[in-house]
Amino acid sequence: SAGTGLQMAVKDMDSDGDIDIVAPGK
């Protein structure tokens, strides 16, 4: 199960030209 935690990161993680999302949480 995924949530947003206190922070997220929005970066092109796989270098394919679009913005991906990194989501931490409990």
mmCIF file of all heavy atoms, coordinates in Angstrom:
data_MODEL
# 
_entry.id   MODEL 
# 
loop_
_atom_site.group_PDB 
_atom_site.id 
_atom_site.type_symbol 
_atom_site.label_atom_id 
_atom_site.label_alt_id 
_atom_site.label_comp_id 
_atom_site.label_asym_id 
_atom_site.label_entity_id 
_atom_site.label_seq_id 
_atom_site.pdbx_PDB_ins_code 
_atom_site.Cartn_x 
_atom_site.Cartn_y 
_atom_site.Cartn_z 
_atom_site.occupancy 
_atom_site.B_iso_or_equiv 
_atom_site.pdbx_formal_charge 
_atom_site.auth_seq_id 
_atom_site.auth_comp_id 
_atom_site.auth_asym_id 
_atom_site.auth_atom_id 
_atom_site.pdbx_PDB_model_num 
ATOM 1   N N   . SER A 1 1  ? 0.840  -1.200 0.000   1.00 0.00 ? 1  SER A N   1 
ATOM 2   C CA  . SER A 1 1  ? 0.000  0.000  0.000   1.00 0.00 ? 1  SER A CA  1 
ATOM 3   C C   . SER A 1 1  ? 0.871  1.245  0.000   1.00 0.00 ? 1  SER A C   1 
ATOM 4   O O   . SER A 1 1  ? 1.851  1.327  0.731   1.00 0.00 ? 1  SER A O   1 
ATOM 5   C CB  . SER A 1 1  ? -0.915 0.010  1.229   1.00 0.00 ? 1  SER A CB  1 
ATOM 6   O OG  . SER A 1 1  ? -1.829 -1.068 1.193   1.00 0.00 ? 1  SER A OG  1 
ATOM 7   N N   . ALA A 1 2  ? 0.498  2.220  -0.813  1.00 0.00 ? 2  ALA A N   1 
ATOM 8   C CA  . ALA A 1 2  ? 1.303  3.434  -0.960  1.00 0.00 ? 2  ALA A CA  1 
ATOM 9   C C   . ALA A 1 2  ? 0.503  4.656  -0.530  1.00 0.00 ? 2  ALA A C   1 
ATOM 10  O O   . ALA A 1 2  ? -0.684 4.766  -0.810  1.00 0.00 ? 2  ALA A O   1 
ATOM 11  C CB  . ALA A 1 2  ? 1.758  3.602  -2.404  1.00 0.00 ? 2  ALA A CB  1 
ATOM 12  N N   . GLY A 1 3  ? 1.187  5.566  0.157   1.00 0.00 ? 3  GLY A N   1 
ATOM 13  C CA  . GLY A 1 3  ? 0.614  6.863  0.510   1.00 0.00 ? 3  GLY A CA  1 
ATOM 14  C C   . GLY A 1 3  ? 1.617  7.948  0.182   1.00 0.00 ? 3  GLY A C   1 
ATOM 15  O O   . GLY A 1 3  ? 2.614  7.697  -0.506  1.00 0.00 ? 3  GLY A O   1 
ATOM 16  N N   . THR A 1 4  ? 1.368  9.149  0.691   1.00 0.00 ? 4  THR A N   1 
ATOM 17  C CA  . THR A 1 4  ? 2.244  10.258 0.324   1.00 0.00 ? 4  THR A CA  1 
ATOM 18  C C   . THR A 1 4  ? 3.239  10.639 1.408   1.00 0.00 ? 4  THR A C   1 
ATOM 19  O O   . THR A 1 4  ? 4.183  11.360 1.122   1.00 0.00 ? 4  THR A O   1 
ATOM 20  C CB  . THR A 1 4  ? 1.432  11.515 -0.007  1.00 0.00 ? 4  THR A CB  1 
ATOM 21  O OG1 . THR A 1 4  ? 0.728  11.951 1.171   1.00 0.00 ? 4  THR A OG1 1 
ATOM 22  C CG2 . THR A 1 4  ? 0.439  11.246 -1.114  1.00 0.00 ? 4  THR A CG2 1 
ATOM 23  N N   . GLY A 1 5  ? 3.071  10.207 2.636   1.00 0.00 ? 5  GLY A N   1 
ATOM 24  C CA  . GLY A 1 5  ? 3.968  10.621 3.696   1.00 0.00 ? 5  GLY A CA  1 
ATOM 25  C C   . GLY A 1 5  ? 3.955  12.121 3.887   1.00 0.00 ? 5  GLY A C   1 
ATOM 26  O O   . GLY A 1 5  ? 2.967  12.815 3.600   1.00 0.00 ? 5  GLY A O   1 
ATOM 27  N N   . LEU A 1 6  ? 5.065  12.656 4.386   1.00 0.00 ? 6  LEU A N   1 
ATOM 28  C CA  . LEU A 1 6  ? 5.222  14.094 4.596   1.00 0.00 ? 6  LEU A CA  1 
ATOM 29  C C   . LEU A 1 6  ? 5.816  14.790 3.385   1.00 0.00 ? 6  LEU A C   1 
ATOM 30  O O   . LEU A 1 6  ? 5.712  16.009 3.239   1.00 0.00 ? 6  LEU A O   1 
ATOM 31  C CB  . LEU A 1 6  ? 6.135  14.340 5.804   1.00 0.00 ? 6  LEU A CB  1 
ATOM 32  C CG  . LEU A 1 6  ? 5.520  14.044 7.166   1.00 0.00 ? 6  LEU A CG  1 
ATOM 33  C CD1 . LEU A 1 6  ? 6.615  13.804 8.195   1.00 0.00 ? 6  LEU A CD1 1 
ATOM 34  C CD2 . LEU A 1 6  ? 4.622  15.180 7.605   1.00 0.00 ? 6  LEU A CD2 1 
ATOM 35  N N   . GLN A 1 7  ? 6.486  14.031 2.544   1.00 0.00 ? 7  GLN A N   1 
ATOM 36  C CA  . GLN A 1 7  ? 7.095  14.560 1.331   1.00 0.00 ? 7  GLN A CA  1 
ATOM 37  C C   . GLN A 1 7  ? 6.826  13.603 0.178   1.00 0.00 ? 7  GLN A C   1 
ATOM 38  O O   . GLN A 1 7  ? 6.555  12.422 0.381   1.00 0.00 ? 7  GLN A O   1 
ATOM 39  C CB  . GLN A 1 7  ? 8.618  14.686 1.482   1.00 0.00 ? 7  GLN A CB  1 
ATOM 40  C CG  . GLN A 1 7  ? 9.101  15.771 2.418   1.00 0.00 ? 7  GLN A CG  1 
ATOM 41  C CD  . GLN A 1 7  ? 10.621 15.839 2.445   1.00 0.00 ? 7  GLN A CD  1 
ATOM 42  O OE1 . GLN A 1 7  ? 11.288 14.836 2.648   1.00 0.00 ? 7  GLN A OE1 1 
ATOM 43  N NE2 . GLN A 1 7  ? 11.161 17.030 2.235   1.00 0.00 ? 7  GLN A NE2 1 
ATOM 44  N N   . MET A 1 8  ? 6.884  14.117 -1.017  1.00 0.00 ? 8  MET A N   1 
ATOM 45  C CA  . MET A 1 8  ? 7.010  13.327 -2.234  1.00 0.00 ? 8  MET A CA  1 
ATOM 46  C C   . MET A 1 8  ? 8.127  13.946 -3.059  1.00 0.00 ? 8  MET A C   1 
ATOM 47  O O   . MET A 1 8  ? 8.536  15.077 -2.805  1.00 0.00 ? 8  MET A O   1 
ATOM 48  C CB  . MET A 1 8  ? 5.712  13.314 -3.039  1.00 0.00 ? 8  MET A CB  1 
ATOM 49  C CG  . MET A 1 8  ? 4.608  12.464 -2.453  1.00 0.00 ? 8  MET A CG  1 
ATOM 50  S SD  . MET A 1 8  ? 3.171  12.382 -3.548  1.00 0.00 ? 8  MET A SD  1 
ATOM 51  C CE  . MET A 1 8  ? 2.570  14.065 -3.419  1.00 0.00 ? 8  MET A CE  1 
ATOM 52  N N   . ALA A 1 9  ? 8.594  13.209 -4.032  1.00 0.00 ? 9  ALA A N   1 
ATOM 53  C CA  . ALA A 1 9  ? 9.551  13.762 -4.989  1.00 0.00 ? 9  ALA A CA  1 
ATOM 54  C C   . ALA A 1 9  ? 8.979  13.577 -6.384  1.00 0.00 ? 9  ALA A C   1 
ATOM 55  O O   . ALA A 1 9  ? 8.403  12.521 -6.697  1.00 0.00 ? 9  ALA A O   1 
ATOM 56  C CB  . ALA A 1 9  ? 10.899 13.062 -4.866  1.00 0.00 ? 9  ALA A CB  1 
ATOM 57  N N   . VAL A 1 10 ? 9.100  14.595 -7.212  1.00 0.00 ? 10 VAL A N   1 
ATOM 58  C CA  . VAL A 1 10 ? 8.632  14.518 -8.597  1.00 0.00 ? 10 VAL A CA  1 
ATOM 59  C C   . VAL A 1 10 ? 9.853  14.740 -9.501  1.00 0.00 ? 10 VAL A C   1 
ATOM 60  O O   . VAL A 1 10 ? 10.349 15.847 -9.632  1.00 0.00 ? 10 VAL A O   1 
ATOM 61  C CB  . VAL A 1 10 ? 7.500  15.526 -8.876  1.00 0.00 ? 10 VAL A CB  1 
ATOM 62  C CG1 . VAL A 1 10 ? 6.227  15.082 -8.176  1.00 0.00 ? 10 VAL A CG1 1 
ATOM 63  C CG2 . VAL A 1 10 ? 7.852  16.934 -8.412  1.00 0.00 ? 10 VAL A CG2 1 
ATOM 64  N N   . LYS A 1 11 ? 10.330 13.658 -10.085 1.00 0.00 ? 11 LYS A N   1 
ATOM 65  C CA  . LYS A 1 11 ? 11.546 13.656 -10.900 1.00 0.00 ? 11 LYS A CA  1 
ATOM 66  C C   . LYS A 1 11 ? 11.393 12.642 -12.031 1.00 0.00 ? 11 LYS A C   1 
ATOM 67  O O   . LYS A 1 11 ? 10.600 11.705 -11.950 1.00 0.00 ? 11 LYS A O   1 
ATOM 68  C CB  . LYS A 1 11 ? 12.767 13.264 -10.051 1.00 0.00 ? 11 LYS A CB  1 
ATOM 69  C CG  . LYS A 1 11 ? 13.105 14.198 -8.913  1.00 0.00 ? 11 LYS A CG  1 
ATOM 70  C CD  . LYS A 1 11 ? 13.804 15.448 -9.387  1.00 0.00 ? 11 LYS A CD  1 
ATOM 71  C CE  . LYS A 1 11 ? 14.282 16.293 -8.227  1.00 0.00 ? 11 LYS A CE  1 
ATOM 72  N NZ  . LYS A 1 11 ? 15.005 17.517 -8.686  1.00 0.00 ? 11 LYS A NZ  1 
ATOM 73  N N   . ASP A 1 12 ? 12.193 12.815 -13.084 1.00 0.00 ? 12 ASP A N   1 
ATOM 74  C CA  . ASP A 1 12 ? 12.241 11.836 -14.166 1.00 0.00 ? 12 ASP A CA  1 
ATOM 75  C C   . ASP A 1 12 ? 13.185 10.711 -13.737 1.00 0.00 ? 12 ASP A C   1 
ATOM 76  O O   . ASP A 1 12 ? 14.381 10.732 -14.021 1.00 0.00 ? 12 ASP A O   1 
ATOM 77  C CB  . ASP A 1 12 ? 12.722 12.503 -15.456 1.00 0.00 ? 12 ASP A CB  1 
ATOM 78  C CG  . ASP A 1 12 ? 12.695 11.558 -16.654 1.00 0.00 ? 12 ASP A CG  1 
ATOM 79  O OD1 . ASP A 1 12 ? 12.272 10.397 -16.493 1.00 0.00 ? 12 ASP A OD1 1 
ATOM 80  O OD2 . ASP A 1 12 ? 13.113 11.992 -17.749 1.00 0.00 ? 12 ASP A OD2 1 
ATOM 81  N N   . MET A 1 13 ? 12.639 9.731  -13.049 1.00 0.00 ? 13 MET A N   1 
ATOM 82  C CA  . MET A 1 13 ? 13.455 8.688  -12.440 1.00 0.00 ? 13 MET A CA  1 
ATOM 83  C C   . MET A 1 13 ? 14.114 7.764  -13.466 1.00 0.00 ? 13 MET A C   1 
ATOM 84  O O   . MET A 1 13 ? 15.195 7.231  -13.210 1.00 0.00 ? 13 MET A O   1 
ATOM 85  C CB  . MET A 1 13 ? 12.600 7.854  -11.478 1.00 0.00 ? 13 MET A CB  1 
ATOM 86  C CG  . MET A 1 13 ? 12.010 8.643  -10.313 1.00 0.00 ? 13 MET A CG  1 
ATOM 87  S SD  . MET A 1 13 ? 13.271 9.373  -9.255  1.00 0.00 ? 13 MET A SD  1 
ATOM 88  C CE  . MET A 1 13 ? 14.039 7.908  -8.582  1.00 0.00 ? 13 MET A CE  1 
ATOM 89  N N   . ASP A 1 14 ? 13.469 7.549  -14.606 1.00 0.00 ? 14 ASP A N   1 
ATOM 90  C CA  . ASP A 1 14 ? 13.987 6.599  -15.587 1.00 0.00 ? 14 ASP A CA  1 
ATOM 91  C C   . ASP A 1 14 ? 14.531 7.276  -16.844 1.00 0.00 ? 14 ASP A C   1 
ATOM 92  O O   . ASP A 1 14 ? 14.794 6.609  -17.850 1.00 0.00 ? 14 ASP A O   1 
ATOM 93  C CB  . ASP A 1 14 ? 12.912 5.573  -15.966 1.00 0.00 ? 14 ASP A CB  1 
ATOM 94  C CG  . ASP A 1 14 ? 11.582 6.231  -16.317 1.00 0.00 ? 14 ASP A CG  1 
ATOM 95  O OD1 . ASP A 1 14 ? 11.525 7.473  -16.382 1.00 0.00 ? 14 ASP A OD1 1 
ATOM 96  O OD2 . ASP A 1 14 ? 10.597 5.496  -16.534 1.00 0.00 ? 14 ASP A OD2 1 
ATOM 97  N N   . SER A 1 15 ? 14.668 8.604  -16.795 1.00 0.00 ? 15 SER A N   1 
ATOM 98  C CA  . SER A 1 15 ? 15.286 9.374  -17.895 1.00 0.00 ? 15 SER A CA  1 
ATOM 99  C C   . SER A 1 15 ? 14.595 9.141  -19.239 1.00 0.00 ? 15 SER A C   1 
ATOM 100 O O   . SER A 1 15 ? 15.247 9.080  -20.293 1.00 0.00 ? 15 SER A O   1 
ATOM 101 C CB  . SER A 1 15 ? 16.778 9.026  -18.017 1.00 0.00 ? 15 SER A CB  1 
ATOM 102 O OG  . SER A 1 15 ? 17.466 9.294  -16.818 1.00 0.00 ? 15 SER A OG  1 
ATOM 103 N N   . ASP A 1 16 ? 13.263 9.033  -19.204 1.00 0.00 ? 16 ASP A N   1 
ATOM 104 C CA  . ASP A 1 16 ? 12.537 8.836  -20.453 1.00 0.00 ? 16 ASP A CA  1 
ATOM 105 C C   . ASP A 1 16 ? 11.797 10.092 -20.911 1.00 0.00 ? 16 ASP A C   1 
ATOM 106 O O   . ASP A 1 16 ? 11.030 10.057 -21.870 1.00 0.00 ? 16 ASP A O   1 
ATOM 107 C CB  . ASP A 1 16 ? 11.555 7.665  -20.338 1.00 0.00 ? 16 ASP A CB  1 
ATOM 108 C CG  . ASP A 1 16 ? 10.412 7.931  -19.360 1.00 0.00 ? 16 ASP A CG  1 
ATOM 109 O OD1 . ASP A 1 16 ? 10.477 8.947  -18.634 1.00 0.00 ? 16 ASP A OD1 1 
ATOM 110 O OD2 . ASP A 1 16 ? 9.469  7.121  -19.320 1.00 0.00 ? 16 ASP A OD2 1 
ATOM 111 N N   . GLY A 1 17 ? 12.031 11.223 -20.198 1.00 0.00 ? 17 GLY A N   1 
ATOM 112 C CA  . GLY A 1 17 ? 11.475 12.489 -20.656 1.00 0.00 ? 17 GLY A CA  1 
ATOM 113 C C   . GLY A 1 17 ? 10.201 12.932 -19.986 1.00 0.00 ? 17 GLY A C   1 
ATOM 114 O O   . GLY A 1 17 ? 9.670  13.998 -20.321 1.00 0.00 ? 17 GLY A O   1 
ATOM 115 N N   . ASP A 1 18 ? 9.669  12.143 -19.036 1.00 0.00 ? 18 ASP A N   1 
ATOM 116 C CA  . ASP A 1 18 ? 8.482  12.586 -18.309 1.00 0.00 ? 18 ASP A CA  1 
ATOM 117 C C   . ASP A 1 18 ? 8.714  12.509 -16.804 1.00 0.00 ? 18 ASP A C   1 
ATOM 118 O O   . ASP A 1 18 ? 9.689  11.936 -16.330 1.00 0.00 ? 18 ASP A O   1 
ATOM 119 C CB  . ASP A 1 18 ? 7.222  11.810 -18.721 1.00 0.00 ? 18 ASP A CB  1 
ATOM 120 C CG  . ASP A 1 18 ? 7.378  10.304 -18.600 1.00 0.00 ? 18 ASP A CG  1 
ATOM 121 O OD1 . ASP A 1 18 ? 8.291  9.853  -17.877 1.00 0.00 ? 18 ASP A OD1 1 
ATOM 122 O OD2 . ASP A 1 18 ? 6.589  9.575  -19.217 1.00 0.00 ? 18 ASP A OD2 1 
ATOM 123 N N   . ILE A 1 19 ? 7.814  13.110 -16.052 1.00 0.00 ? 19 ILE A N   1 
ATOM 124 C CA  . ILE A 1 19 ? 7.974  13.243 -14.602 1.00 0.00 ? 19 ILE A CA  1 
ATOM 125 C C   . ILE A 1 19 ? 7.334  12.069 -13.882 1.00 0.00 ? 19 ILE A C   1 
ATOM 126 O O   . ILE A 1 19 ? 6.140  11.778 -14.062 1.00 0.00 ? 19 ILE A O   1 
ATOM 127 C CB  . ILE A 1 19 ? 7.356  14.567 -14.108 1.00 0.00 ? 19 ILE A CB  1 
ATOM 128 C CG1 . ILE A 1 19 ? 8.018  15.763 -14.798 1.00 0.00 ? 19 ILE A CG1 1 
ATOM 129 C CG2 . ILE A 1 19 ? 7.498  14.681 -12.584 1.00 0.00 ? 19 ILE A CG2 1 
ATOM 130 C CD1 . ILE A 1 19 ? 9.495  15.901 -14.523 1.00 0.00 ? 19 ILE A CD1 1 
ATOM 131 N N   . ASP A 1 20 ? 8.115  11.410 -13.055 1.00 0.00 ? 20 ASP A N   1 
ATOM 132 C CA  . ASP A 1 20 ? 7.646  10.301 -12.228 1.00 0.00 ? 20 ASP A CA  1 
ATOM 133 C C   . ASP A 1 20 ? 7.450  10.795 -10.793 1.00 0.00 ? 20 ASP A C   1 
ATOM 134 O O   . ASP A 1 20 ? 7.740  11.945 -10.469 1.00 0.00 ? 20 ASP A O   1 
ATOM 135 C CB  . ASP A 1 20 ? 8.656  9.158  -12.280 1.00 0.00 ? 20 ASP A CB  1 
ATOM 136 C CG  . ASP A 1 20 ? 9.004  8.757  -13.712 1.00 0.00 ? 20 ASP A CG  1 
ATOM 137 O OD1 . ASP A 1 20 ? 8.078  8.397  -14.456 1.00 0.00 ? 20 ASP A OD1 1 
ATOM 138 O OD2 . ASP A 1 20 ? 10.192 8.816  -14.067 1.00 0.00 ? 20 ASP A OD2 1 
ATOM 139 N N   . ILE A 1 21 ? 6.959  9.912  -9.927  1.00 0.00 ? 21 ILE A N   1 
ATOM 140 C CA  . ILE A 1 21 ? 6.618  10.273 -8.548  1.00 0.00 ? 21 ILE A CA  1 
ATOM 141 C C   . ILE A 1 21 ? 7.261  9.270  -7.598  1.00 0.00 ? 21 ILE A C   1 
ATOM 142 O O   . ILE A 1 21 ? 7.147  8.059  -7.806  1.00 0.00 ? 21 ILE A O   1 
ATOM 143 C CB  . ILE A 1 21 ? 5.091  10.272 -8.347  1.00 0.00 ? 21 ILE A CB  1 
ATOM 144 C CG1 . ILE A 1 21 ? 4.420  11.287 -9.276  1.00 0.00 ? 21 ILE A CG1 1 
ATOM 145 C CG2 . ILE A 1 21 ? 4.734  10.563 -6.883  1.00 0.00 ? 21 ILE A CG2 1 
ATOM 146 C CD1 . ILE A 1 21 ? 2.908  11.103 -9.388  1.00 0.00 ? 21 ILE A CD1 1 
ATOM 147 N N   . VAL A 1 22 ? 7.918  9.769  -6.558  1.00 0.00 ? 22 VAL A N   1 
ATOM 148 C CA  . VAL A 1 22 ? 8.439  8.913  -5.491  1.00 0.00 ? 22 VAL A CA  1 
ATOM 149 C C   . VAL A 1 22 ? 7.652  9.220  -4.227  1.00 0.00 ? 22 VAL A C   1 
ATOM 150 O O   . VAL A 1 22 ? 7.542  10.380 -3.819  1.00 0.00 ? 22 VAL A O   1 
ATOM 151 C CB  . VAL A 1 22 ? 9.938  9.140  -5.254  1.00 0.00 ? 22 VAL A CB  1 
ATOM 152 C CG1 . VAL A 1 22 ? 10.460 8.180  -4.189  1.00 0.00 ? 22 VAL A CG1 1 
ATOM 153 C CG2 . VAL A 1 22 ? 10.723 8.966  -6.558  1.00 0.00 ? 22 VAL A CG2 1 
ATOM 154 N N   . ALA A 1 23 ? 7.095  8.179  -3.623  1.00 0.00 ? 23 ALA A N   1 
ATOM 155 C CA  . ALA A 1 23 ? 6.183  8.355  -2.492  1.00 0.00 ? 23 ALA A CA  1 
ATOM 156 C C   . ALA A 1 23 ? 6.618  7.492  -1.313  1.00 0.00 ? 23 ALA A C   1 
ATOM 157 O O   . ALA A 1 23 ? 6.585  6.263  -1.394  1.00 0.00 ? 23 ALA A O   1 
ATOM 158 C CB  . ALA A 1 23 ? 4.757  7.991  -2.905  1.00 0.00 ? 23 ALA A CB  1 
ATOM 159 N N   . PRO A 1 24 ? 7.016  8.132  -0.203  1.00 0.00 ? 24 PRO A N   1 
ATOM 160 C CA  . PRO A 1 24 ? 7.309  7.401  1.025   1.00 0.00 ? 24 PRO A CA  1 
ATOM 161 C C   . PRO A 1 24 ? 6.074  7.372  1.920   1.00 0.00 ? 24 PRO A C   1 
ATOM 162 O O   . PRO A 1 24 ? 5.067  8.017  1.627   1.00 0.00 ? 24 PRO A O   1 
ATOM 163 C CB  . PRO A 1 24 ? 8.396  8.249  1.661   1.00 0.00 ? 24 PRO A CB  1 
ATOM 164 C CG  . PRO A 1 24 ? 7.940  9.657  1.337   1.00 0.00 ? 24 PRO A CG  1 
ATOM 165 C CD  . PRO A 1 24 ? 7.288  9.581  -0.030  1.00 0.00 ? 24 PRO A CD  1 
ATOM 166 N N   . GLY A 1 25 ? 6.162  6.677  3.019   1.00 0.00 ? 25 GLY A N   1 
ATOM 167 C CA  . GLY A 1 25 ? 5.068  6.680  3.982   1.00 0.00 ? 25 GLY A CA  1 
ATOM 168 C C   . GLY A 1 25 ? 5.215  5.562  4.988   1.00 0.00 ? 25 GLY A C   1 
ATOM 169 O O   . GLY A 1 25 ? 6.138  4.737  4.912   1.00 0.00 ? 25 GLY A O   1 
ATOM 170 N N   . LYS A 1 26 ? 4.303  5.524  5.916   1.00 0.00 ? 26 LYS A N   1 
ATOM 171 C CA  . LYS A 1 26 ? 4.356  4.532  6.979   1.00 0.00 ? 26 LYS A CA  1 
ATOM 172 C C   . LYS A 1 26 ? 4.080  3.118  6.489   1.00 0.00 ? 26 LYS A C   1 
ATOM 173 O O   . LYS A 1 26 ? 4.274  2.154  7.237   1.00 0.00 ? 26 LYS A O   1 
ATOM 174 C CB  . LYS A 1 26 ? 3.377  4.908  8.087   1.00 0.00 ? 26 LYS A CB  1 
ATOM 175 C CG  . LYS A 1 26 ? 3.766  6.188  8.819   1.00 0.00 ? 26 LYS A CG  1 
ATOM 176 C CD  . LYS A 1 26 ? 2.746  6.557  9.882   1.00 0.00 ? 26 LYS A CD  1 
ATOM 177 C CE  . LYS A 1 26 ? 3.171  7.831  10.615  1.00 0.00 ? 26 LYS A CE  1 
ATOM 178 N NZ  . LYS A 1 26 ? 2.174  8.276  11.605  1.00 0.00 ? 26 LYS A NZ  1 
# 
